[in-house]
PDB file of N, CA and C in Angstrom:
ATOM      1  N   UNK A   1       1.847  61.853  97.668  1.00  0.00           N
ATOM      2  CA  UNK A   1       0.971  61.996  98.390  1.00  0.00           C
ATOM      3  C   UNK A   1      -0.034  61.281  97.370  1.00  0.00           C
ATOM      4  N   UNK A   2      -1.437  60.941  98.024  1.00  0.00           N
ATOM      5  CA  UNK A   2      -1.939  60.175  97.059  1.00  0.00           C
ATOM      6  C   UNK A   2      -3.337  61.297  96.514  1.00  0.00           C
ATOM      7  N   UNK A   3      -3.435  60.913  95.809  1.00  0.00           N
ATOM      8  CA  UNK A   3      -4.701  62.135  95.165  1.00  0.00           C
ATOM      9  C   UNK A   3      -5.617  62.309  95.837  1.00  0.00           C
ATOM     10  N   UNK A   4      -6.616  63.293  96.325  1.00  0.00           N
ATOM     11  CA  UNK A   4      -7.552  63.436  97.030  1.00  0.00           C
ATOM     12  C   UNK A   4      -8.641  62.127  96.859  1.00  0.00           C
ATOM     13  N   UNK A   5      -9.270  61.721  95.529  1.00  0.00           N
ATOM     14  CA  UNK A   5     -10.309  61.104  95.529  1.00  0.00           C
ATOM     15  C   UNK A   5      -9.455  59.187  96.163  1.00  0.00           C
ATOM     16  N   UNK A   6      -8.045  59.326  96.108  1.00  0.00           N
ATOM     17  CA  UNK A   6      -7.391  58.241  96.487  1.00  0.00           C
ATOM     18  C   UNK A   6      -7.430  57.873  97.971  1.00  0.00           C
ATOM     19  N   UNK A   7      -7.183  59.032  98.490  1.00  0.00           N
ATOM     20  CA  UNK A   7      -6.795  59.033  99.905  1.00  0.00           C
ATOM     21  C   UNK A   7      -8.278  59.014 100.112  1.00  0.00           C
ATOM     22  N   UNK A   8      -9.111  59.557 100.165  1.00  0.00           N
ATOM     23  CA  UNK A   8     -10.376  59.423 100.272  1.00  0.00           C
ATOM     24  C   UNK A   8     -11.190  57.785 100.713  1.00  0.00           C
ATOM     25  N   UNK A   9     -10.960  57.216  99.319  1.00  0.00           N
ATOM     26  CA  UNK A   9     -11.242  55.949  98.857  1.00  0.00           C
ATOM     27  C   UNK A   9     -10.269  54.712 100.571  1.00  0.00           C
ATOM     28  N   UNK A  10      -9.249  55.251 100.512  1.00  0.00           N
ATOM     29  CA  UNK A  10      -8.268  54.740 101.695  1.00  0.00           C
ATOM     30  C   UNK A  10      -8.861  55.085 103.105  1.00  0.00           C
ATOM     31  N   UNK A  11      -9.229  55.992 103.170  1.00  0.00           N
ATOM     32  CA  UNK A  11     -10.256  56.393 104.496  1.00  0.00           C
ATOM     33  C   UNK A  11     -11.269  55.916 104.474  1.00  0.00           C
ATOM     34  N   UNK A  12     -11.984  55.865 103.441  1.00  0.00           N
ATOM     35  CA  UNK A  12     -13.192  55.011 103.392  1.00  0.00           C
ATOM     36  C   UNK A  12     -13.340  53.629 103.869  1.00  0.00           C
ATOM     37  N   UNK A  13     -12.235  52.842 103.186  1.00  0.00           N
ATOM     38  CA  UNK A  13     -11.691  51.610 103.828  1.00  0.00           C
ATOM     39  C   UNK A  13     -11.555  51.327 105.081  1.00  0.00           C
ATOM     40  N   UNK A  14     -10.660  51.731 105.698  1.00  0.00           N
ATOM     41  CA  UNK A  14     -10.636  52.220 106.817  1.00  0.00           C
ATOM     42  C   UNK A  14     -11.031  52.357 107.758  1.00  0.00           C
ATOM     43  N   UNK A  15     -11.600  53.721 107.671  1.00  0.00           N
ATOM     44  CA  UNK A  15     -12.250  54.192 109.449  1.00  0.00           C
ATOM     45  C   UNK A  15     -12.719  53.476 109.923  1.00  0.00           C
ATOM     46  N   UNK A  16     -12.541  53.510 111.099  1.00  0.00           N
ATOM     47  CA  UNK A  16     -13.230  53.022 112.487  1.00  0.00           C
ATOM     48  C   UNK A  16     -13.702  54.422 113.374  1.00  0.00           C
ATOM     49  N   UNK A  17     -14.454  53.302 114.726  1.00  0.00           N
ATOM     50  CA  UNK A  17     -15.237  53.739 115.352  1.00  0.00           C
ATOM     51  C   UNK A  17     -15.005  53.619 116.835  1.00  0.00           C
ATOM     52  N   UNK A  18     -15.119  53.982 117.792  1.00  0.00           N
ATOM     53  CA  UNK A  18     -14.842  53.940 119.534  1.00  0.00           C
ATOM     54  C   UNK A  18     -16.663  54.416 119.859  1.00  0.00           C
ATOM     55  N   UNK A  19     -16.031  53.594 120.960  1.00  0.00           N
ATOM     56  CA  UNK A  19     -17.646  53.741 121.698  1.00  0.00           C
ATOM     57  C   UNK A  19     -17.967  55.500 121.940  1.00  0.00           C
ATOM     58  N   UNK A  20     -16.849  55.755 122.314  1.00  0.00           N
ATOM     59  CA  UNK A  20     -16.953  56.965 122.683  1.00  0.00           C
ATOM     60  C   UNK A  20     -17.334  58.353 121.525  1.00  0.00           C
ATOM     61  N   UNK A  21     -17.162  57.976 120.187  1.00  0.00           N
ATOM     62  CA  UNK A  21     -16.946  58.854 119.349  1.00  0.00           C
ATOM     63  C   UNK A  21     -18.563  58.782 119.040  1.00  0.00           C
ATOM     64  N   UNK A  22     -19.333  57.755 118.623  1.00  0.00           N
ATOM     65  CA  UNK A  22     -20.661  58.066 118.436  1.00  0.00           C
ATOM     66  C   UNK A  22     -21.295  59.210 119.393  1.00  0.00           C
ATOM     67  N   UNK A  23     -21.313  59.111 120.520  1.00  0.00           N
ATOM     68  CA  UNK A  23     -21.672  60.594 121.334  1.00  0.00           C
ATOM     69  C   UNK A  23     -21.228  61.460 121.256  1.00  0.00           C
ATOM     70  N   UNK A  24     -19.929  61.599 120.969  1.00  0.00           N
ATOM     71  CA  UNK A  24     -19.402  63.007 120.341  1.00  0.00           C
ATOM     72  C   UNK A  24     -19.977  63.544 118.972  1.00  0.00           C
ATOM     73  N   UNK A  25     -20.444  62.331 118.227  1.00  0.00           N
ATOM     74  CA  UNK A  25     -20.230  62.912 116.960  1.00  0.00           C
ATOM     75  C   UNK A  25     -21.943  63.807 117.341  1.00  0.00           C
ATOM     76  N   UNK A  26     -22.813  62.662 118.040  1.00  0.00           N
ATOM     77  CA  UNK A  26     -24.448  63.366 118.524  1.00  0.00           C
ATOM     78  C   UNK A  26     -24.428  64.526 119.049  1.00  0.00           C
ATOM     79  N   UNK A  27     -23.058  64.821 119.489  1.00  0.00           N
ATOM     80  CA  UNK A  27     -23.365  66.121 120.283  1.00  0.00           C
ATOM     81  C   UNK A  27     -22.512  66.873 119.590  1.00  0.00           C
ATOM     82  N   UNK A  28     -21.793  66.918 119.030  1.00  0.00           N
ATOM     83  CA  UNK A  28     -20.919  67.939 118.536  1.00  0.00           C
ATOM     84  C   UNK A  28     -21.991  67.943 117.149  1.00  0.00           C
ATOM     85  N   UNK A  29     -22.452  67.724 116.692  1.00  0.00           N
ATOM     86  CA  UNK A  29     -23.884  68.081 115.790  1.00  0.00           C
ATOM     87  C   UNK A  29     -25.216  68.084 115.650  1.00  0.00           C
ATOM     88  N   UNK A  30     -25.173  68.040 117.135  1.00  0.00           N
ATOM     89  CA  UNK A  30     -26.391  68.577 117.701  1.00  0.00           C
ATOM     90  C   UNK A  30     -27.684  68.168 116.857  1.00  0.00           C
ATOM     91  N   UNK A  31     -27.330  66.166 116.972  1.00  0.00           N
ATOM     92  CA  UNK A  31     -28.184  65.281 116.226  1.00  0.00           C
ATOM     93  C   UNK A  31     -28.369  64.237 117.072  1.00  0.00           C
ATOM     94  N   UNK A  32     -29.344  63.489 116.946  1.00  0.00           N
ATOM     95  CA  UNK A  32     -29.436  61.898 117.844  1.00  0.00           C
ATOM     96  C   UNK A  32     -29.668  61.009 116.472  1.00  0.00           C
ATOM     97  N   UNK A  33     -28.208  60.674 115.950  1.00  0.00           N
ATOM     98  CA  UNK A  33     -28.486  59.013 115.103  1.00  0.00           C
ATOM     99  C   UNK A  33     -27.834  58.476 116.151  1.00  0.00           C
ATOM    100  N   UNK A  34     -27.929  57.083 115.424  1.00  0.00           N
ATOM    101  CA  UNK A  34     -27.932  55.723 115.731  1.00  0.00           C
ATOM    102  C   UNK A  34     -26.564  55.162 115.268  1.00  0.00           C
ATOM    103  N   UNK A  35     -26.132  54.294 115.736  1.00  0.00           N
ATOM    104  CA  UNK A  35     -24.802  54.092 115.090  1.00  0.00           C
ATOM    105  C   UNK A  35     -24.658  53.577 113.855  1.00  0.00           C
ATOM    106  N   UNK A  36     -25.734  53.005 113.148  1.00  0.00           N
ATOM    107  CA  UNK A  36     -25.222  52.500 111.538  1.00  0.00           C
ATOM    108  C   UNK A  36     -25.596  54.172 110.782  1.00  0.00           C
ATOM    109  N   UNK A  37     -26.179  55.077 111.493  1.00  0.00           N
ATOM    110  CA  UNK A  37     -26.973  56.355 110.932  1.00  0.00           C
ATOM    111  C   UNK A  37     -25.308  56.833 110.918  1.00  0.00           C
ATOM    112  N   UNK A  38     -24.725  56.719 111.545  1.00  0.00           N
ATOM    113  CA  UNK A  38     -23.625  57.923 111.806  1.00  0.00           C
ATOM    114  C   UNK A  38     -22.810  57.064 110.828  1.00  0.00           C
ATOM    115  N   UNK A  39     -22.549  55.909 111.102  1.00  0.00           N
ATOM    116  CA  UNK A  39     -21.584  55.359 110.063  1.00  0.00           C
ATOM    117  C   UNK A  39     -21.959  55.177 108.320  1.00  0.00           C
ATOM    118  N   UNK A  40     -22.451  55.425 108.619  1.00  0.00           N
ATOM    119  CA  UNK A  40     -23.746  56.219 106.838  1.00  0.00           C
ATOM    120  C   UNK A  40     -23.056  57.285 106.847  1.00  0.00           C
ATOM    121  N   UNK A  41     -23.534  58.139 107.511  1.00  0.00           N
ATOM    122  CA  UNK A  41     -23.332  59.428 107.403  1.00  0.00           C
ATOM    123  C   UNK A  41     -21.590  59.981 106.923  1.00  0.00           C
ATOM    124  N   UNK A  42     -20.683  59.183 107.788  1.00  0.00           N
ATOM    125  CA  UNK A  42     -19.261  58.893 107.639  1.00  0.00           C
ATOM    126  C   UNK A  42     -19.019  58.586 105.769  1.00  0.00           C
ATOM    127  N   UNK A  43     -19.588  57.644 105.327  1.00  0.00           N
ATOM    128  CA  UNK A  43     -19.365  56.642 104.150  1.00  0.00           C
ATOM    129  C   UNK A  43     -19.926  57.951 103.155  1.00  0.00           C
ATOM    130  N   UNK A  44     -20.931  58.147 103.004  1.00  0.00           N
ATOM    131  CA  UNK A  44     -21.631  59.626 102.445  1.00  0.00           C
ATOM    132  C   UNK A  44     -20.632  60.385 101.978  1.00  0.00           C
ATOM    133  N   UNK A  45     -20.300  61.192 103.423  1.00  0.00           N
ATOM    134  CA  UNK A  45     -19.264  62.194 103.125  1.00  0.00           C
ATOM    135  C   UNK A  45     -17.953  61.700 102.626  1.00  0.00           C
ATOM    136  N   UNK A  46     -17.932  60.762 102.640  1.00  0.00           N
ATOM    137  CA  UNK A  46     -16.519  60.114 102.260  1.00  0.00           C
ATOM    138  C   UNK A  46     -16.651  59.900 100.662  1.00  0.00           C
ATOM    139  N   UNK A  47     -17.835  59.706 100.063  1.00  0.00           N
ATOM    140  CA  UNK A  47     -18.061  59.212  98.619  1.00  0.00           C
ATOM    141  C   UNK A  47     -17.881  60.615  98.252  1.00  0.00           C
ATOM    142  N   UNK A  48     -18.548  61.557  98.410  1.00  0.00           N
ATOM    143  CA  UNK A  48     -19.600  62.939  98.006  1.00  0.00           C
ATOM    144  C   UNK A  48     -18.012  63.631  97.041  1.00  0.00           C
ATOM    145  N   UNK A  49     -18.620  63.690  95.690  1.00  0.00           N
ATOM    146  CA  UNK A  49     -17.569  64.386  94.919  1.00  0.00           C
ATOM    147  C   UNK A  49     -17.301  65.953  95.437  1.00  0.00           C
ATOM    148  N   UNK A  50     -17.807  66.624  96.185  1.00  0.00           N
ATOM    149  CA  UNK A  50     -17.633  67.968  96.884  1.00  0.00           C
ATOM    150  C   UNK A  50     -16.787  67.530  98.039  1.00  0.00           C
ATOM    151  N   UNK A  51     -16.370  66.429  98.456  1.00  0.00           N
ATOM    152  CA  UNK A  51     -15.480  66.251  99.441  1.00  0.00           C
ATOM    153  C   UNK A  51     -14.145  66.735  99.505  1.00  0.00           C
ATOM    154  N   UNK A  52     -13.605  67.273 100.374  1.00  0.00           N
ATOM    155  CA  UNK A  52     -12.139  67.556 100.148  1.00  0.00           C
ATOM    156  C   UNK A  52     -11.510  67.162 101.130  1.00  0.00           C
ATOM    157  N   UNK A  53      -9.970  66.573 101.621  1.00  0.00           N
ATOM    158  CA  UNK A  53      -9.584  66.134 102.631  1.00  0.00           C
ATOM    159  C   UNK A  53      -7.599  67.029 102.652  1.00  0.00           C
ATOM    160  N   UNK A  54      -7.568  67.539 103.871  1.00  0.00           N
ATOM    161  CA  UNK A  54      -6.500  67.672 104.288  1.00  0.00           C
ATOM    162  C   UNK A  54      -5.915  67.528 105.330  1.00  0.00           C
ATOM    163  N   UNK A  55      -4.311  67.073 105.340  1.00  0.00           N
ATOM    164  CA  UNK A  55      -3.827  66.151 106.460  1.00  0.00           C
ATOM    165  C   UNK A  55      -2.657  67.460 107.199  1.00  0.00           C
ATOM    166  N   UNK A  56      -3.319  67.755 108.093  1.00  0.00           N
ATOM    167  CA  UNK A  56      -2.557  68.766 109.120  1.00  0.00           C
ATOM    168  C   UNK A  56      -2.084  67.683 110.635  1.00  0.00           C
ATOM    169  N   UNK A  57      -1.123  67.905 110.646  1.00  0.00           N
ATOM    170  CA  UNK A  57      -0.450  67.661 112.195  1.00  0.00           C
ATOM    171  C   UNK A  57      -0.412  65.582 111.570  1.00  0.00           C
ATOM    172  N   UNK A  58      -1.141  65.213 112.880  1.00  0.00           N
ATOM    173  CA  UNK A  58      -1.679  63.687 112.499  1.00  0.00           C
ATOM    174  C   UNK A  58      -2.738  63.436 112.313  1.00  0.00           C
ATOM    175  N   UNK A  59      -3.377  64.376 112.194  1.00  0.00           N
ATOM    176  CA  UNK A  59      -4.521  64.315 111.675  1.00  0.00           C
ATOM    177  C   UNK A  59      -4.880  64.799 110.417  1.00  0.00           C
ATOM    178  N   UNK A  60      -6.381  63.999 109.555  1.00  0.00           N
ATOM    179  CA  UNK A  60      -6.641  64.088 108.358  1.00  0.00           C
ATOM    180  C   UNK A  60      -8.147  64.727 108.451  1.00  0.00           C
ATOM    181  N   UNK A  61      -8.575  66.197 108.043  1.00  0.00           N
ATOM    182  CA  UNK A  61      -9.434  66.915 108.327  1.00  0.00           C
ATOM    183  C   UNK A  61     -10.368  66.990 106.791  1.00  0.00           C
ATOM    184  N   UNK A  62     -11.682  66.259 107.370  1.00  0.00           N
ATOM    185  CA  UNK A  62     -12.518  65.820 105.611  1.00  0.00           C
ATOM    186  C   UNK A  62     -13.570  66.962 105.787  1.00  0.00           C
ATOM    187  N   UNK A  63     -13.794  67.583 104.911  1.00  0.00           N
ATOM    188  CA  UNK A  63     -14.593  68.342 104.630  1.00  0.00           C
ATOM    189  C   UNK A  63     -16.000  67.901 104.067  1.00  0.00           C
ATOM    190  N   UNK A  64     -17.099  67.915 104.203  1.00  0.00           N
ATOM    191  CA  UNK A  64     -17.989  67.343 103.534  1.00  0.00           C
ATOM    192  C   UNK A  64     -19.211  68.549 102.802  1.00  0.00           C
ATOM    193  N   UNK A  65     -18.134  69.294 101.889  1.00  0.00           N
ATOM    194  CA  UNK A  65     -19.381  70.995 101.781  1.00  0.00           C
ATOM    195  C   UNK A  65     -20.420  70.337 101.860  1.00  0.00           C
ATOM    196  N   UNK A  66     -21.242  68.916 100.641  1.00  0.00           N
ATOM    197  CA  UNK A  66     -23.228  69.112 100.973  1.00  0.00           C
ATOM    198  C   UNK A  66     -23.397  68.723 101.884  1.00  0.00           C
ATOM    199  N   UNK A  67     -22.275  68.144 103.343  1.00  0.00           N
ATOM    200  CA  UNK A  67     -23.014  67.826 104.211  1.00  0.00           C
ATOM    201  C   UNK A  67     -22.904  69.242 105.471  1.00  0.00           C
ATOM    202  N   UNK A  68     -22.514  70.262 105.071  1.00  0.00           N
ATOM    203  CA  UNK A  68     -21.944  71.259 105.726  1.00  0.00           C
ATOM    204  C   UNK A  68     -20.965  70.241 107.311  1.00  0.00           C
ATOM    205  N   UNK A  69     -20.138  69.232 107.675  1.00  0.00           N
ATOM    206  CA  UNK A  69     -19.842  68.628 108.308  1.00  0.00           C
ATOM    207  C   UNK A  69     -17.992  68.394 108.006  1.00  0.00           C
ATOM    208  N   UNK A  70     -17.186  69.092 109.135  1.00  0.00           N
ATOM    209  CA  UNK A  70     -16.138  68.262 109.047  1.00  0.00           C
ATOM    210  C   UNK A  70     -15.945  67.168 110.313  1.00  0.00           C
ATOM    211  N   UNK A  71     -15.321  66.089 109.482  1.00  0.00           N
ATOM    212  CA  UNK A  71     -14.421  64.682 110.158  1.00  0.00           C
ATOM    213  C   UNK A  71     -12.949  65.125 110.388  1.00  0.00           C
ATOM    214  N   UNK A  72     -12.715  64.818 111.814  1.00  0.00           N
ATOM    215  CA  UNK A  72     -11.299  64.727 111.866  1.00  0.00           C
ATOM    216  C   UNK A  72     -11.255  63.395 112.025  1.00  0.00           C
ATOM    217  N   UNK A  73     -10.377  62.980 111.422  1.00  0.00           N
ATOM    218  CA  UNK A  73      -9.284  61.140 111.347  1.00  0.00           C
ATOM    219  C   UNK A  73      -8.502  61.328 111.287  1.00  0.00           C
ATOM    220  N   UNK A  74      -8.076  60.011 112.672  1.00  0.00           N
ATOM    221  CA  UNK A  74      -6.275  59.874 112.815  1.00  0.00           C
ATOM    222  C   UNK A  74      -5.620  59.693 111.913  1.00  0.00           C
ATOM    223  N   UNK A  75      -4.410  60.141 111.229  1.00  0.00           N
ATOM    224  CA  UNK A  75      -3.867  59.564 110.182  1.00  0.00           C
ATOM    225  C   UNK A  75      -2.948  58.735 110.371  1.00  0.00           C
ATOM    226  N   UNK A  76      -3.008  58.230 111.283  1.00  0.00           N
ATOM    227  CA  UNK A  76      -2.279  56.717 111.612  1.00  0.00           C
ATOM    228  C   UNK A  76      -3.555  54.871 111.623  1.00  0.00           C
ATOM    229  N   UNK A  77      -4.388  55.724 112.297  1.00  0.00           N
ATOM    230  CA  UNK A  77      -5.373  54.509 112.515  1.00  0.00           C
ATOM    231  C   UNK A  77      -5.962  54.373 111.841  1.00  0.00           C
ATOM    232  N   UNK A  78      -6.711  55.717 111.499  1.00  0.00           N
ATOM    233  CA  UNK A  78      -7.880  55.790 110.910  1.00  0.00           C
ATOM    234  C   UNK A  78      -9.032  55.628 111.587  1.00  0.00           C
ATOM    235  N   UNK A  79      -9.018  56.493 112.929  1.00  0.00           N
ATOM    236  CA  UNK A  79     -10.455  56.244 114.083  1.00  0.00           C
ATOM    237  C   UNK A  79     -10.746  56.967 113.365  1.00  0.00           C
ATOM    238  N   UNK A  80     -12.065  57.798 112.980  1.00  0.00           N
ATOM    239  CA  UNK A  80     -12.629  59.287 113.348  1.00  0.00           C
ATOM    240  C   UNK A  80     -12.328  59.749 115.072  1.00  0.00           C
ATOM    241  N   UNK A  81     -12.353  60.801 115.060  1.00  0.00           N
ATOM    242  CA  UNK A  81     -12.483  61.613 116.245  1.00  0.00           C
ATOM    243  C   UNK A  81     -13.731  62.038 116.748  1.00  0.00           C
ATOM    244  N   UNK A  82     -13.952  63.533 115.784  1.00  0.00           N
ATOM    245  CA  UNK A  82     -14.576  63.997 115.920  1.00  0.00           C
ATOM    246  C   UNK A  82     -15.542  64.572 114.783  1.00  0.00           C
ATOM    247  N   UNK A  83     -16.499  65.074 114.877  1.00  0.00           N
ATOM    248  CA  UNK A  83     -17.107  65.308 113.783  1.00  0.00           C
ATOM    249  C   UNK A  83     -17.342  67.453 113.245  1.00  0.00           C
ATOM    250  N   UNK A  84     -17.660  67.877 113.434  1.00  0.00           N
ATOM    251  CA  UNK A  84     -17.849  69.675 113.044  1.00  0.00           C
ATOM    252  C   UNK A  84     -19.050  69.965 112.073  1.00  0.00           C
ATOM    253  N   UNK A  85     -19.133  71.130 112.403  1.00  0.00           N
ATOM    254  CA  UNK A  85     -20.038  71.684 111.674  1.00  0.00           C
ATOM    255  C   UNK A  85     -19.487  72.331 110.848  1.00  0.00           C
ATOM    256  N   UNK A  86     -19.245  72.802 109.697  1.00  0.00           N
ATOM    257  CA  UNK A  86     -18.921  73.815 109.031  1.00  0.00           C
ATOM    258  C   UNK A  86     -19.431  75.450 109.105  1.00  0.00           C
ATOM    259  N   UNK A  87     -18.600  76.036 109.161  1.00  0.00           N
ATOM    260  CA  UNK A  87     -19.165  77.386 109.341  1.00  0.00           C
ATOM    261  C   UNK A  87     -19.224  78.265 107.878  1.00  0.00           C
TER     262      UNK A  87
END
């Protein structure tokens, strides 16, 4: 198993998006960001020192504590599935 920082770096390099995920992120986070802004948010979360990652089942759950956001990313194809607010 890779160390947290190595795993986050691998995810950062390979993360990809579907057309629908942009709408889903805006809806779930109750924001209105453009595609480049969402991609920048994801990259910012992935490089933040406070970010943690946990693999459960087939997904990575990336918790960006500084952003109060959790990203769900498929561990096989690194596709962003959704984003949720941390409670």
